């Protein structure tokens, strides 16, 4: 119908990684040091996604699945909200929560992203982005970022 849109999407993904030597890099990272053999691993994933838009001011989506990857397995999930509180869409708020697993580094990541936007008039648009990331596994880390972008269209 015009006021209701419902989309269902299902995916299945399989990736096989053969063991080998880590290529030389200059940054290090969470992978084994250069010259250390990586064990063979397999990354099996499935997920289902649903998108619901009950009107012009609100959009909701959810993706849920499962990953079995090497020594780690877990639930994959992503929830997203798009909200336009004012008529005409001059102000928009996006909110995303995402959870994933990394088969190579055997870690789990959780991310929360807030993205408000304000179209001031037909020329300037102000976009904000706040992201909070937490990673757990052999090495635990976290990060928070915030940035603002002002775009002028001539």
Protein backbone atom coordinates (compact mmCIF):
# COMPACT_ATOMS: atom_id res chain seq x y z
CA UNK A 1 0.00 0.00 0.00
CA UNK A 2 1.08 3.65 -0.22
CA UNK A 3 1.44 4.01 3.55
CA UNK A 4 3.10 0.68 4.29
CA UNK A 5 6.22 -0.78 2.73
CA UNK A 6 7.59 -4.07 4.00
CA UNK A 7 10.67 -5.66 2.44
CA UNK A 8 12.14 -9.01 3.50
CA UNK A 9 15.65 -10.07 2.48
CA UNK A 10 17.46 -13.29 3.40
CA UNK A 11 21.14 -14.03 2.73
CA UNK A 12 23.51 -16.93 3.28
CA UNK A 13 27.27 -16.43 2.96
CA UNK A 14 30.17 -18.88 3.19
CA UNK A 15 33.85 -18.00 2.90
CA UNK A 16 36.85 -20.31 3.28
CA UNK A 17 40.27 -18.89 4.13
CA UNK A 18 43.32 -21.04 3.67
CA UNK A 19 46.22 -20.75 6.08
CA UNK A 20 49.18 -18.76 4.93
CA UNK A 21 51.65 -16.14 5.92
CA UNK A 22 50.47 -12.70 6.83
CA UNK A 23 51.60 -10.21 4.19
CA UNK A 24 54.12 -7.58 5.38
CA UNK A 25 52.48 -4.38 6.63
CA UNK A 26 53.77 -1.30 8.32
CA UNK A 27 50.99 -0.86 10.87
CA UNK A 28 50.89 -4.06 12.89
CA UNK A 29 47.34 -4.56 14.07
CA UNK A 30 45.46 -7.45 15.64
CA UNK A 31 46.63 -10.11 13.17
CA UNK A 32 49.59 -12.33 14.07
CA UNK A 33 53.03 -10.78 13.47
CA UNK A 34 54.58 -10.96 10.02
CA UNK A 35 55.89 -14.39 9.09
CA UNK A 36 53.51 -16.25 11.47
CA UNK A 37 51.28 -18.75 9.66
CA UNK A 38 47.55 -18.16 9.91
CA UNK A 39 45.53 -21.35 10.51
CA UNK A 40 42.89 -22.29 7.97
CA UNK A 41 39.47 -20.98 8.96
CA UNK A 42 35.95 -20.95 7.64
CA UNK A 43 33.36 -18.19 7.97
CA UNK A 44 29.72 -19.31 7.68
CA UNK A 45 27.04 -16.64 7.99
CA UNK A 46 23.33 -16.29 7.47
CA UNK A 47 21.05 -13.35 8.10
CA UNK A 48 17.54 -12.09 7.46
CA UNK A 49 16.64 -8.42 7.13
CA UNK A 50 13.33 -6.62 7.35
CA UNK A 51 12.62 -2.97 6.45
CA UNK A 52 9.43 -1.22 7.53
CA UNK A 53 8.38 2.30 6.53
CA UNK A 54 4.98 3.15 8.01
CA UNK A 55 4.97 6.70 6.59
CA UNK A 56 7.13 9.50 5.27
CA UNK A 57 8.58 10.37 8.70
CA UNK A 58 9.80 6.99 9.95
CA UNK A 59 11.84 4.08 8.60
CA UNK A 60 12.89 1.03 10.61
CA UNK A 61 15.09 -1.90 9.66
CA UNK A 62 16.41 -4.95 11.47
CA UNK A 63 18.90 -7.61 10.43
CA UNK A 64 19.45 -10.71 12.55
CA UNK A 65 21.67 -13.67 11.80
CA UNK A 66 24.40 -15.94 13.02
CA UNK A 67 28.08 -16.36 12.20
CA UNK A 68 30.28 -19.35 12.88
CA UNK A 69 33.80 -18.24 12.12
CA UNK A 70 36.90 -20.13 13.20
CA UNK A 71 37.16 -20.09 16.99
CA UNK A 72 34.36 -17.57 17.43
CA UNK A 73 30.64 -17.65 16.76
CA UNK A 74 27.82 -15.37 17.65
CA UNK A 75 24.69 -13.54 16.75
CA UNK A 76 24.82 -10.87 14.05
CA UNK A 77 22.42 -8.03 14.52
CA UNK A 78 21.81 -4.58 13.10
CA UNK A 79 18.96 -2.24 13.96
CA UNK A 80 18.47 1.08 12.18
CA UNK A 81 16.03 3.97 12.62
CA UNK A 82 15.47 6.94 10.27
CA UNK A 83 13.22 9.62 11.75
CA UNK A 84 12.13 12.91 10.17
CA UNK A 85 10.40 14.82 13.01
CA UNK A 86 9.44 17.85 10.88
CA UNK A 87 7.29 17.89 7.75
CA UNK A 88 9.41 18.24 4.62
CA UNK A 89 12.41 16.41 6.09
CA UNK A 90 14.52 19.46 7.08
CA UNK A 91 15.68 17.60 10.20
CA UNK A 92 16.62 13.93 10.11
CA UNK A 93 17.89 11.60 12.83
CA UNK A 94 19.51 8.26 12.11
CA UNK A 95 20.38 5.72 14.78
CA UNK A 96 22.14 2.38 14.17
CA UNK A 97 23.19 -0.44 16.50
CA UNK A 98 25.39 -3.11 14.90
CA UNK A 99 27.00 -6.30 16.23
CA UNK A 100 29.38 -8.48 14.17
CA UNK A 101 32.19 -11.05 14.49
CA UNK A 102 35.61 -11.09 12.80
CA UNK A 103 36.80 -14.57 11.84
CA UNK A 104 40.43 -13.62 11.14
CA UNK A 105 41.16 -11.84 14.44
CA UNK A 106 38.64 -13.85 16.53
CA UNK A 107 36.92 -10.79 17.94
CA UNK A 108 33.42 -9.39 18.36
CA UNK A 109 32.51 -5.76 17.62
CA UNK A 110 29.58 -3.63 18.77
CA UNK A 111 28.90 -0.23 17.25
CA UNK A 112 26.39 2.53 18.02
CA UNK A 113 26.04 5.37 15.49
CA UNK A 114 23.95 8.54 15.84
CA UNK A 115 23.64 10.70 12.69
CA UNK A 116 21.46 13.81 12.97
CA UNK A 117 21.19 16.11 9.94
CA UNK A 118 19.72 19.58 9.46
CA UNK A 119 18.98 21.15 6.09
CA UNK A 120 19.17 24.85 6.99
CA UNK A 121 17.81 26.00 3.63
CA UNK A 122 18.46 24.94 0.02
CA UNK A 123 22.21 25.66 0.27
CA UNK A 124 23.75 24.58 3.65
CA UNK A 125 23.31 21.17 5.30
CA UNK A 126 24.75 20.35 8.72
CA UNK A 127 25.56 16.66 9.35
CA UNK A 128 26.72 15.30 12.70
CA UNK A 129 28.11 11.84 13.43
CA UNK A 130 28.74 10.20 16.79
CA UNK A 131 30.10 6.65 16.79
CA UNK A 132 30.91 4.42 19.75
CA UNK A 133 32.77 1.19 18.99
CA UNK A 134 33.75 -1.59 21.39
CA UNK A 135 35.75 -4.64 20.36
CA UNK A 136 36.18 -7.75 22.50
CA UNK A 137 38.37 -10.77 21.90
CA UNK A 138 42.07 -11.51 22.41
CA UNK A 139 42.63 -7.75 22.55
CA UNK A 140 39.86 -5.51 23.85
CA UNK A 141 39.54 -1.96 22.60
CA UNK A 142 37.06 0.82 22.16
CA UNK A 143 36.72 4.14 20.43
CA UNK A 144 34.40 7.13 20.35
CA UNK A 145 34.34 9.60 17.48
CA UNK A 146 32.38 12.75 16.80
CA UNK A 147 32.52 14.97 13.78
CA UNK A 148 30.44 17.65 12.11
CA UNK A 149 30.24 18.47 8.41
CA UNK A 150 28.76 21.64 6.95
CA UNK A 151 28.06 21.30 3.22
CA UNK A 152 27.19 24.21 0.94
CA UNK A 153 25.51 23.54 -2.40
CA UNK A 154 25.79 26.41 -4.86
